[in-house]
Every structure is written in C-alpha cells, then in structure tokens.
Amino acid sequence: MSEFGLALLVALTGWWFSTGVILWLVHRSQRHHRKIFALFTLTMLLAFYGVAASVYESTPHSVVLAFCLALLLWGWLEMGYLMGFITGPRKEACPDGATTASRMRLGLGTCLWHELTLLAMVAVLFLLSWQQPNQTALWTFTVLWLMRWSSKLNLVLGVRNYNQSWLPEHLAYVHSYIPRRVLNPLFPVSVVVGGVVTFLLFNAAMQTPELGLMIGLTLAGAIAALGTLEHLFLMAPLRDAALWDWAAPDRGPAVTKSEPQS
C-alpha cells in the first residue's frame, strides 16, 4: 500500500507541477517563445530516446522514469499549441450562429496540426513499447490523449466553467468555439467512462504481484482520475485555476458565446 500511495503522490505532483511550468513558460514574453520551444524540442527528442531505453525493464525506477518522460512529451505538445507553433490552418473566430456540427468541424481546423502530431507521437510510443515489459509511457500518454479528446468535445458542446486565462492572446479566437451551458449530453458519459477506466486501472494495479507493473498501472489510473476530475471542473462552479495562480495570469471569467442553457 505504501508503494501505491507513493505512486499516487508522484502522479499528482507531476500533473500539477508540469501543468504549472507549461503555463508559466507560455505566459512569458512572446519574444522568448522560439528559444524556449526549440530547447524543449531538443528535450522532447531526448525524452523519446529515454522511453526507448526504459521499455526493456519494469523496475520501479524505470516505470517512474517512463511516466515522467511521458509527461515531458505531453508538455512539449501542449506548449507547441499554446505558443502557436503547432495549432491548425484556421485562425479565425467561429461564425455567429454556427451549428454544433459546424462548430466542431471548424474547431478541428484550429488545432488540426496539433491533433495529427499527437497521433504521430502515440504511434511512435506504441512502436517503441510493442511487446516490451514497461509500457508506462504509452499508457500515460494514451490516457492523457483520450481524456483531452473528451474534454475538447465537451468544450465544443458547451460547458459551465471555462477558464480563458490559460489561453494566450494570440489564441483568443478559440474562445468563440466554446459555448456556455449548464450541461451537455456527452458530459455524464465522459465522467462515467472516466470513472470506470480509473477503477479498472486501480483494480488491476492492486491485483498484480509485480511491483513495477503495479506502479505503472497506478500512475496511469491516477492520470485517468485527474482527467475525470478536470471534466467535473468544467461543469462545477469552482475556480480550479487557483491551483496554478503562480503560473498563469487570471484575466477573469471566460467570454463565450451564449446559448440557451439546458
């Protein structure tokens, strides 16, 4: 149980700290963005090398290392989007009166290169981890990917609580794709599925006798739990962004297109 608790602590700390570092770097002066992203691109390549070296053994140290490298890879991808280097061909606001289907299609255009890069990174991690004992990096990155996709779909369908301060000014047009709603049809499904995945991963972790595998499953389960919690924050009238006040400016409540609440 002590290893289980330590794994949870590692996941929680890694999630909180890596998110804060990304936000802090993104909200620095834009004149530094190219240098910062170039440095992190080199770090990203080294992270892939580290994952390739760590997959051959599932010791606790290798598993935790793979988890941290997956967070680093995810951080590079998120930084590329928020800094404007990996976004999409569309950089315009959503037209007034757009239907949900149109908003989803046009919204995909604002992040198409980001989504394609994400899929490519998942594919590389899959190939590196294929039939290897340590698949923690793949599990972690895949859970982050699926949770992010679910969050994006919920955002386009409409959410109650959306913090606009995380997006820098050069991505301000993204706000127009996110309507304000008390609830959307996908939200309950997302929360239930997230909860089930979390339970299955934690249950598998508790059942396995292998320490390294237990830690890896626990770390992936913790990310699933945190992703589910982030979904709840989208609808709860809570200021979750306070967790990262040290990293990102607070520019007030979101400005989103209004729609009839449901």
C-alpha atoms as a PDB file:
ATOM      1  CA  MET A   1       0.000   0.000   0.000  1.00  0.00           C
ATOM      2  CA  SER A   2       2.902   2.363   0.645  1.00  0.00           C
ATOM      3  CA  GLU A   3       4.098   1.945  -2.967  1.00  0.00           C
ATOM      4  CA  PHE A   4       0.536   2.579  -4.172  1.00  0.00           C
ATOM      5  CA  GLY A   5       0.343   5.809  -2.176  1.00  0.00           C
ATOM      6  CA  LEU A   6       3.766   6.955  -3.358  1.00  0.00           C
ATOM      7  CA  ALA A   7       2.753   6.323  -6.970  1.00  0.00           C
ATOM      8  CA  LEU A   8      -0.371   8.430  -6.468  1.00  0.00           C
ATOM      9  CA  LEU A   9       1.755  11.210  -4.977  1.00  0.00           C
ATOM     10  CA  VAL A  10       4.155  11.091  -7.929  1.00  0.00           C
ATOM     11  CA  ALA A  11       1.252  11.319 -10.396  1.00  0.00           C
ATOM     12  CA  LEU A  12      -0.448  14.182  -8.560  1.00  0.00           C
ATOM     13  CA  THR A  13       2.768  16.159  -8.174  1.00  0.00           C
ATOM     14  CA  GLY A  14       3.829  15.539 -11.768  1.00  0.00           C
ATOM     15  CA  TRP A  15       0.421  16.601 -13.103  1.00  0.00           C
ATOM     16  CA  TRP A  16       0.278  19.775 -11.008  1.00  0.00           C
ATOM     17  CA  PHE A  17       3.889  20.861 -11.474  1.00  0.00           C
ATOM     18  CA  SER A  18       4.184  20.089 -15.206  1.00  0.00           C
ATOM     19  CA  THR A  19       0.936  21.974 -15.913  1.00  0.00           C
ATOM     20  CA  GLY A  20       2.206  24.957 -13.957  1.00  0.00           C
ATOM     21  CA  VAL A  21       5.585  25.026 -15.703  1.00  0.00           C
ATOM     22  CA  ILE A  22       3.928  24.950 -19.126  1.00  0.00           C
ATOM     23  CA  LEU A  23       1.568  27.790 -18.231  1.00  0.00           C
ATOM     24  CA  TRP A  24       4.394  29.841 -16.738  1.00  0.00           C
ATOM     25  CA  LEU A  25       6.549  29.474 -19.862  1.00  0.00           C
ATOM     26  CA  VAL A  26       3.645  30.117 -22.245  1.00  0.00           C
ATOM     27  CA  HIS A  27       2.740  33.369 -20.497  1.00  0.00           C
ATOM     28  CA  ARG A  28       6.258  34.747 -20.659  1.00  0.00           C
ATOM     29  CA  SER A  29       7.041  37.357 -23.316  1.00  0.00           C
ATOM     30  CA  GLN A  30       6.468  36.062 -26.860  1.00  0.00           C
ATOM     31  CA  ARG A  31       9.931  37.132 -27.912  1.00  0.00           C
ATOM     32  CA  HIS A  32      11.299  34.212 -25.887  1.00  0.00           C
ATOM     33  CA  HIS A  33       8.911  31.585 -27.239  1.00  0.00           C
ATOM     34  CA  ARG A  34      11.026  30.415 -30.173  1.00  0.00           C
ATOM     35  CA  LYS A  35      14.077  29.811 -27.999  1.00  0.00           C
ATOM     36  CA  ILE A  36      12.036  28.086 -25.298  1.00  0.00           C
ATOM     37  CA  PHE A  37      10.255  25.830 -27.776  1.00  0.00           C
ATOM     38  CA  ALA A  38      13.495  24.999 -29.598  1.00  0.00           C
ATOM     39  CA  LEU A  39      15.052  23.948 -26.296  1.00  0.00           C
ATOM     40  CA  PHE A  40      12.019  21.861 -25.395  1.00  0.00           C
ATOM     41  CA  THR A  41      12.033  20.262 -28.854  1.00  0.00           C
ATOM     42  CA  LEU A  42      15.538  19.004 -28.172  1.00  0.00           C
ATOM     43  CA  THR A  43      14.325  17.795 -24.778  1.00  0.00           C
ATOM     44  CA  MET A  44      11.395  16.049 -26.484  1.00  0.00           C
ATOM     45  CA  LEU A  45      13.771  14.105 -28.733  1.00  0.00           C
ATOM     46  CA  LEU A  46      15.833  13.094 -25.721  1.00  0.00           C
ATOM     47  CA  ALA A  47      12.621  12.022 -23.978  1.00  0.00           C
ATOM     48  CA  PHE A  48      11.791   9.654 -26.839  1.00  0.00           C
ATOM     49  CA  TYR A  49      15.309   8.250 -26.544  1.00  0.00           C
ATOM     50  CA  GLY A  50      14.744   7.806 -22.817  1.00  0.00           C
ATOM     51  CA  VAL A  51      11.452   5.994 -23.418  1.00  0.00           C
ATOM     52  CA  ALA A  52      13.170   3.685 -25.911  1.00  0.00           C
ATOM     53  CA  ALA A  53      15.787   2.842 -23.294  1.00  0.00           C
ATOM     54  CA  SER A  54      13.310   2.367 -20.434  1.00  0.00           C
ATOM     55  CA  VAL A  55      10.864  -0.055 -22.060  1.00  0.00           C
ATOM     56  CA  TYR A  56      13.112  -3.096 -21.613  1.00  0.00           C
ATOM     57  CA  GLU A  57      12.690  -3.380 -17.853  1.00  0.00           C
ATOM     58  CA  SER A  58       9.806  -2.754 -15.484  1.00  0.00           C
ATOM     59  CA  THR A  59      11.683  -1.907 -12.321  1.00  0.00           C
ATOM     60  CA  PRO A  60      10.087   0.810 -10.158  1.00  0.00           C
ATOM     61  CA  HIS A  61      12.750   3.312 -11.238  1.00  0.00           C
ATOM     62  CA  SER A  62      12.236   2.565 -14.940  1.00  0.00           C
ATOM     63  CA  VAL A  63       8.473   2.820 -14.584  1.00  0.00           C
ATOM     64  CA  VAL A  64       8.597   6.188 -12.807  1.00  0.00           C
ATOM     65  CA  LEU A  65      11.135   7.436 -15.355  1.00  0.00           C
ATOM     66  CA  ALA A  66       8.858   6.397 -18.229  1.00  0.00           C
ATOM     67  CA  PHE A  67       5.942   8.201 -16.573  1.00  0.00           C
ATOM     68  CA  CYS A  68       7.935  11.412 -16.192  1.00  0.00           C
ATOM     69  CA  LEU A  69       9.138  11.188 -19.803  1.00  0.00           C
ATOM     70  CA  ALA A  70       5.531  10.794 -20.982  1.00  0.00           C
ATOM     71  CA  LEU A  71       4.597  13.962 -19.083  1.00  0.00           C
ATOM     72  CA  LEU A  72       7.544  15.713 -20.723  1.00  0.00           C
ATOM     73  CA  LEU A  73       6.394  14.632 -24.177  1.00  0.00           C
ATOM     74  CA  TRP A  74       2.864  15.784 -23.400  1.00  0.00           C
ATOM     75  CA  GLY A  75       4.191  19.079 -22.105  1.00  0.00           C
ATOM     76  CA  TRP A  76       6.095  19.693 -25.336  1.00  0.00           C
ATOM     77  CA  LEU A  77       2.935  19.082 -27.350  1.00  0.00           C
ATOM     78  CA  GLU A  78       0.803  21.384 -25.192  1.00  0.00           C
ATOM     79  CA  MET A  79       3.478  24.062 -25.242  1.00  0.00           C
ATOM     80  CA  GLY A  80       3.624  23.868 -29.033  1.00  0.00           C
ATOM     81  CA  TYR A  81      -0.106  24.540 -29.208  1.00  0.00           C
ATOM     82  CA  LEU A  82      -0.289  27.276 -26.596  1.00  0.00           C
ATOM     83  CA  MET A  83       2.729  29.090 -28.052  1.00  0.00           C
ATOM     84  CA  GLY A  84       1.141  28.925 -31.502  1.00  0.00           C
ATOM     85  CA  PHE A  85       3.713  26.686 -33.213  1.00  0.00           C
ATOM     86  CA  ILE A  86       1.511  23.578 -33.552  1.00  0.00           C
ATOM     87  CA  THR A  87      -2.092  24.676 -33.999  1.00  0.00           C
ATOM     88  CA  GLY A  88      -4.043  24.369 -37.253  1.00  0.00           C
ATOM     89  CA  PRO A  89      -4.808  26.087 -40.561  1.00  0.00           C
ATOM     90  CA  ARG A  90      -7.787  28.027 -39.199  1.00  0.00           C
ATOM     91  CA  LYS A  91      -7.008  31.041 -37.043  1.00  0.00           C
ATOM     92  CA  GLU A  92     -10.375  32.775 -37.122  1.00  0.00           C
ATOM     93  CA  ALA A  93     -13.287  33.031 -34.705  1.00  0.00           C
ATOM     94  CA  CYS A  94     -16.305  30.777 -35.089  1.00  0.00           C
ATOM     95  CA  PRO A  95     -19.038  32.452 -37.173  1.00  0.00           C
ATOM     96  CA  ASP A  96     -22.108  33.639 -35.301  1.00  0.00           C
ATOM     97  CA  GLY A  97     -24.980  31.210 -35.440  1.00  0.00           C
ATOM     98  CA  ALA A  98     -22.850  28.188 -36.352  1.00  0.00           C
ATOM     99  CA  THR A  99     -24.459  24.826 -35.654  1.00  0.00           C
ATOM    100  CA  THR A 100     -22.811  22.349 -33.303  1.00  0.00           C
ATOM    101  CA  ALA A 101     -21.633  20.251 -36.269  1.00  0.00           C
ATOM    102  CA  SER A 102     -20.154  23.315 -37.983  1.00  0.00           C
ATOM    103  CA  ARG A 103     -18.509  24.436 -34.749  1.00  0.00           C
ATOM    104  CA  MET A 104     -16.877  21.017 -34.353  1.00  0.00           C
ATOM    105  CA  ARG A 105     -15.666  20.952 -37.955  1.00  0.00           C
ATOM    106  CA  LEU A 106     -14.318  24.494 -37.877  1.00  0.00           C
ATOM    107  CA  GLY A 107     -12.899  23.963 -34.409  1.00  0.00           C
ATOM    108  CA  LEU A 108     -10.899  20.989 -35.644  1.00  0.00           C
ATOM    109  CA  GLY A 109      -9.300  23.323 -38.149  1.00  0.00           C
ATOM    110  CA  THR A 110      -7.921  25.447 -35.311  1.00  0.00           C
ATOM    111  CA  CYS A 111      -5.936  22.503 -33.891  1.00  0.00           C
ATOM    112  CA  LEU A 112      -5.517  20.073 -36.815  1.00  0.00           C
ATOM    113  CA  TRP A 113      -1.698  20.055 -36.843  1.00  0.00           C
ATOM    114  CA  HIS A 114      -1.735  19.563 -33.085  1.00  0.00           C
ATOM    115  CA  GLU A 115      -4.053  16.551 -33.356  1.00  0.00           C
ATOM    116  CA  LEU A 116      -2.029  14.965 -36.164  1.00  0.00           C
ATOM    117  CA  THR A 117       1.193  15.463 -34.211  1.00  0.00           C
ATOM    118  CA  LEU A 118      -0.463  13.869 -31.191  1.00  0.00           C
ATOM    119  CA  LEU A 119      -1.481  10.808 -33.214  1.00  0.00           C
ATOM    120  CA  ALA A 120       2.048  10.503 -34.596  1.00  0.00           C
ATOM    121  CA  MET A 121       3.506  10.613 -31.083  1.00  0.00           C
ATOM    122  CA  VAL A 122       1.083   7.923 -29.887  1.00  0.00           C
ATOM    123  CA  ALA A 123       2.133   5.775 -32.851  1.00  0.00           C
ATOM    124  CA  VAL A 124       5.831   6.198 -32.039  1.00  0.00           C
ATOM    125  CA  LEU A 125       5.257   5.298 -28.385  1.00  0.00           C
ATOM    126  CA  PHE A 126       3.239   2.266 -29.474  1.00  0.00           C
ATOM    127  CA  LEU A 127       6.058   1.044 -31.698  1.00  0.00           C
ATOM    128  CA  LEU A 128       8.686   1.645 -29.026  1.00  0.00           C
ATOM    129  CA  SER A 129       6.611  -0.202 -26.400  1.00  0.00           C
ATOM    130  CA  TRP A 130       5.396  -3.091 -28.530  1.00  0.00           C
ATOM    131  CA  GLN A 131       5.690  -6.353 -26.552  1.00  0.00           C
ATOM    132  CA  GLN A 132       8.041  -4.725 -24.033  1.00  0.00           C
ATOM    133  CA  PRO A 133       7.666  -5.140 -20.256  1.00  0.00           C
ATOM    134  CA  ASN A 134       7.485  -1.417 -19.441  1.00  0.00           C
ATOM    135  CA  GLN A 135       4.605   0.274 -21.263  1.00  0.00           C
ATOM    136  CA  THR A 136       4.053   3.036 -18.718  1.00  0.00           C
ATOM    137  CA  ALA A 137       4.932   5.842 -21.132  1.00  0.00           C
ATOM    138  CA  LEU A 138       2.430   4.552 -23.691  1.00  0.00           C
ATOM    139  CA  TRP A 139      -0.297   4.066 -21.076  1.00  0.00           C
ATOM    140  CA  THR A 140       0.230   7.522 -19.581  1.00  0.00           C
ATOM    141  CA  PHE A 141       0.325   9.343 -22.906  1.00  0.00           C
ATOM    142  CA  THR A 142      -2.695   7.433 -24.242  1.00  0.00           C
ATOM    143  CA  VAL A 143      -4.796   8.251 -21.171  1.00  0.00           C
ATOM    144  CA  LEU A 144      -3.801  11.921 -21.477  1.00  0.00           C
ATOM    145  CA  TRP A 145      -4.716  11.849 -25.164  1.00  0.00           C
ATOM    146  CA  LEU A 146      -8.150  10.249 -24.705  1.00  0.00           C
ATOM    147  CA  MET A 147      -9.016  12.470 -21.743  1.00  0.00           C
ATOM    148  CA  ARG A 148      -8.023  15.545 -23.731  1.00  0.00           C
ATOM    149  CA  TRP A 149     -10.169  14.470 -26.670  1.00  0.00           C
ATOM    150  CA  SER A 150     -13.127  14.007 -24.354  1.00  0.00           C
ATOM    151  CA  SER A 151     -12.519  17.431 -22.807  1.00  0.00           C
ATOM    152  CA  LYS A 152     -12.359  19.089 -26.216  1.00  0.00           C
ATOM    153  CA  LEU A 153     -15.623  17.504 -27.316  1.00  0.00           C
ATOM    154  CA  ASN A 154     -17.283  18.664 -24.104  1.00  0.00           C
ATOM    155  CA  LEU A 155     -15.935  22.179 -24.616  1.00  0.00           C
ATOM    156  CA  VAL A 156     -17.356  22.392 -28.136  1.00  0.00           C
ATOM    157  CA  LEU A 157     -20.723  21.066 -26.937  1.00  0.00           C
ATOM    158  CA  GLY A 158     -20.771  23.627 -24.130  1.00  0.00           C
ATOM    159  CA  VAL A 159     -19.570  23.798 -20.536  1.00  0.00           C
ATOM    160  CA  ARG A 160     -20.386  25.892 -17.494  1.00  0.00           C
ATOM    161  CA  ASN A 161     -16.913  26.639 -16.147  1.00  0.00           C
ATOM    162  CA  TYR A 162     -14.212  27.601 -18.626  1.00  0.00           C
ATOM    163  CA  ASN A 163     -11.081  29.496 -17.665  1.00  0.00           C
ATOM    164  CA  GLN A 164      -9.991  31.760 -20.511  1.00  0.00           C
ATOM    165  CA  SER A 165      -6.828  32.977 -18.788  1.00  0.00           C
ATOM    166  CA  TRP A 166      -4.924  29.851 -19.783  1.00  0.00           C
ATOM    167  CA  LEU A 167      -5.081  30.716 -23.484  1.00  0.00           C
ATOM    168  CA  PRO A 168      -2.657  33.464 -24.541  1.00  0.00           C
ATOM    169  CA  GLU A 169      -3.927  36.419 -26.551  1.00  0.00           C
ATOM    170  CA  HIS A 170      -2.810  35.023 -29.922  1.00  0.00           C
ATOM    171  CA  LEU A 171      -5.277  32.139 -29.389  1.00  0.00           C
ATOM    172  CA  ALA A 172      -8.163  34.359 -28.288  1.00  0.00           C
ATOM    173  CA  TYR A 173     -10.253  33.244 -31.281  1.00  0.00           C
ATOM    174  CA  VAL A 174     -10.540  29.773 -29.711  1.00  0.00           C
ATOM    175  CA  HIS A 175     -12.946  31.155 -27.091  1.00  0.00           C
ATOM    176  CA  SER A 176     -15.623  31.641 -29.744  1.00  0.00           C
ATOM    177  CA  TYR A 177     -15.864  27.865 -30.263  1.00  0.00           C
ATOM    178  CA  ILE A 178     -16.800  27.206 -26.619  1.00  0.00           C
ATOM    179  CA  PRO A 179     -20.433  27.995 -25.704  1.00  0.00           C
ATOM    180  CA  ARG A 180     -21.581  28.300 -22.103  1.00  0.00           C
ATOM    181  CA  ARG A 181     -24.031  25.607 -20.979  1.00  0.00           C
ATOM    182  CA  VAL A 182     -25.036  24.119 -17.660  1.00  0.00           C
ATOM    183  CA  LEU A 183     -24.847  20.600 -19.130  1.00  0.00           C
ATOM    184  CA  ASN A 184     -24.298  18.825 -22.411  1.00  0.00           C
ATOM    185  CA  PRO A 185     -25.306  15.252 -23.396  1.00  0.00           C
ATOM    186  CA  LEU A 186     -21.710  13.978 -23.561  1.00  0.00           C
ATOM    187  CA  PHE A 187     -20.663  15.142 -20.106  1.00  0.00           C
ATOM    188  CA  PRO A 188     -22.306  12.389 -17.978  1.00  0.00           C
ATOM    189  CA  VAL A 189     -20.957   9.739 -20.366  1.00  0.00           C
ATOM    190  CA  SER A 190     -17.442  11.198 -20.137  1.00  0.00           C
ATOM    191  CA  VAL A 191     -17.494  11.204 -16.343  1.00  0.00           C
ATOM    192  CA  VAL A 192     -18.859   7.659 -16.083  1.00  0.00           C
ATOM    193  CA  VAL A 193     -16.382   6.262 -18.606  1.00  0.00           C
ATOM    194  CA  GLY A 194     -13.536   8.117 -16.911  1.00  0.00           C
ATOM    195  CA  GLY A 195     -14.587   6.694 -13.554  1.00  0.00           C
ATOM    196  CA  VAL A 196     -14.803   3.154 -14.926  1.00  0.00           C
ATOM    197  CA  VAL A 197     -11.373   3.377 -16.567  1.00  0.00           C
ATOM    198  CA  THR A 198      -9.906   4.729 -13.329  1.00  0.00           C
ATOM    199  CA  PHE A 199     -11.433   1.866 -11.347  1.00  0.00           C
ATOM    200  CA  LEU A 200     -10.212  -0.774 -13.800  1.00  0.00           C
ATOM    201  CA  LEU A 201      -6.652   0.562 -13.765  1.00  0.00           C
ATOM    202  CA  PHE A 202      -6.526   0.844  -9.977  1.00  0.00           C
ATOM    203  CA  ASN A 203      -8.104  -2.588  -9.573  1.00  0.00           C
ATOM    204  CA  ALA A 204      -5.568  -4.141 -11.943  1.00  0.00           C
ATOM    205  CA  ALA A 205      -2.778  -2.412 -10.007  1.00  0.00           C
ATOM    206  CA  MET A 206      -3.977  -3.890  -6.723  1.00  0.00           C
ATOM    207  CA  GLN A 207      -4.289  -7.383  -8.206  1.00  0.00           C
ATOM    208  CA  THR A 208      -0.852  -7.717  -9.792  1.00  0.00           C
ATOM    209  CA  PRO A 209       2.001  -9.163  -7.710  1.00  0.00           C
ATOM    210  CA  GLU A 210       4.674  -7.385  -9.776  1.00  0.00           C
ATOM    211  CA  LEU A 211       5.768  -4.122  -8.150  1.00  0.00           C
ATOM    212  CA  GLY A 212       6.799  -2.336 -11.345  1.00  0.00           C
ATOM    213  CA  LEU A 213       3.562  -3.204 -13.107  1.00  0.00           C
ATOM    214  CA  MET A 214       1.565  -2.136 -10.059  1.00  0.00           C
ATOM    215  CA  ILE A 215       3.261   1.270 -10.039  1.00  0.00           C
ATOM    216  CA  GLY A 216       2.747   1.732 -13.782  1.00  0.00           C
ATOM    217  CA  LEU A 217      -0.960   0.904 -13.607  1.00  0.00           C
ATOM    218  CA  THR A 218      -1.374   3.136 -10.573  1.00  0.00           C
ATOM    219  CA  LEU A 219       0.267   6.067 -12.346  1.00  0.00           C
ATOM    220  CA  ALA A 220      -1.958   5.598 -15.410  1.00  0.00           C
ATOM    221  CA  GLY A 221      -5.011   5.240 -13.167  1.00  0.00           C
ATOM    222  CA  ALA A 222      -4.118   8.425 -11.312  1.00  0.00           C
ATOM    223  CA  ILE A 223      -3.931  10.333 -14.600  1.00  0.00           C
ATOM    224  CA  ALA A 224      -7.343   8.920 -15.549  1.00  0.00           C
ATOM    225  CA  ALA A 225      -8.712  10.027 -12.176  1.00  0.00           C
ATOM    226  CA  LEU A 226      -7.259  13.515 -12.568  1.00  0.00           C
ATOM    227  CA  GLY A 227      -8.653  13.723 -16.100  1.00  0.00           C
ATOM    228  CA  THR A 228     -12.094  12.783 -14.789  1.00  0.00           C
ATOM    229  CA  LEU A 229     -11.738  15.424 -12.077  1.00  0.00           C
ATOM    230  CA  GLU A 230     -10.885  18.012 -14.726  1.00  0.00           C
ATOM    231  CA  HIS A 231     -14.115  17.065 -16.508  1.00  0.00           C
ATOM    232  CA  LEU A 232     -16.048  17.756 -13.312  1.00  0.00           C
ATOM    233  CA  PHE A 233     -14.352  21.157 -13.058  1.00  0.00           C
ATOM    234  CA  LEU A 234     -15.793  22.018 -16.492  1.00  0.00           C
ATOM    235  CA  MET A 235     -19.292  21.983 -15.025  1.00  0.00           C
ATOM    236  CA  ALA A 236     -18.736  22.755 -11.347  1.00  0.00           C
ATOM    237  CA  PRO A 237     -18.867  26.429 -10.270  1.00  0.00           C
ATOM    238  CA  LEU A 238     -15.355  26.154  -8.835  1.00  0.00           C
ATOM    239  CA  ARG A 239     -12.236  28.138  -9.602  1.00  0.00           C
ATOM    240  CA  ASP A 240      -9.870  25.217 -10.231  1.00  0.00           C
ATOM    241  CA  ALA A 241      -7.400  27.568 -11.936  1.00  0.00           C
ATOM    242  CA  ALA A 242      -6.441  28.766  -8.446  1.00  0.00           C
ATOM    243  CA  LEU A 243      -4.179  25.704  -8.304  1.00  0.00           C
ATOM    244  CA  TRP A 244      -1.935  27.410 -10.842  1.00  0.00           C
ATOM    245  CA  ASP A 245      -2.243  31.094  -9.911  1.00  0.00           C
ATOM    246  CA  TRP A 246       1.544  31.175  -9.600  1.00  0.00           C
ATOM    247  CA  ALA A 247       1.917  30.163 -13.249  1.00  0.00           C
ATOM    248  CA  ALA A 248      -0.776  31.909 -15.293  1.00  0.00           C
ATOM    249  CA  PRO A 249      -2.450  35.318 -15.117  1.00  0.00           C
ATOM    250  CA  ASP A 250      -6.093  35.472 -14.136  1.00  0.00           C
ATOM    251  CA  ARG A 251      -7.930  37.600 -16.655  1.00  0.00           C
ATOM    252  CA  GLY A 252     -11.342  36.915 -15.231  1.00  0.00           C
ATOM    253  CA  PRO A 253     -14.199  34.686 -16.332  1.00  0.00           C
ATOM    254  CA  ALA A 254     -14.449  33.262 -19.787  1.00  0.00           C
ATOM    255  CA  VAL A 255     -16.095  35.226 -22.549  1.00  0.00           C
ATOM    256  CA  THR A 256     -18.012  32.643 -24.554  1.00  0.00           C
ATOM    257  CA  LYS A 257     -20.893  32.665 -26.954  1.00  0.00           C
ATOM    258  CA  SER A 258     -24.147  32.324 -25.126  1.00  0.00           C
ATOM    259  CA  GLU A 259     -26.650  29.592 -25.913  1.00  0.00           C
ATOM    260  CA  PRO A 260     -29.846  28.511 -24.208  1.00  0.00           C
ATOM    261  CA  GLN A 261     -28.947  26.632 -21.055  1.00  0.00           C
ATOM    262  CA  SER A 262     -30.001  23.030 -20.769  1.00  0.00           C
END
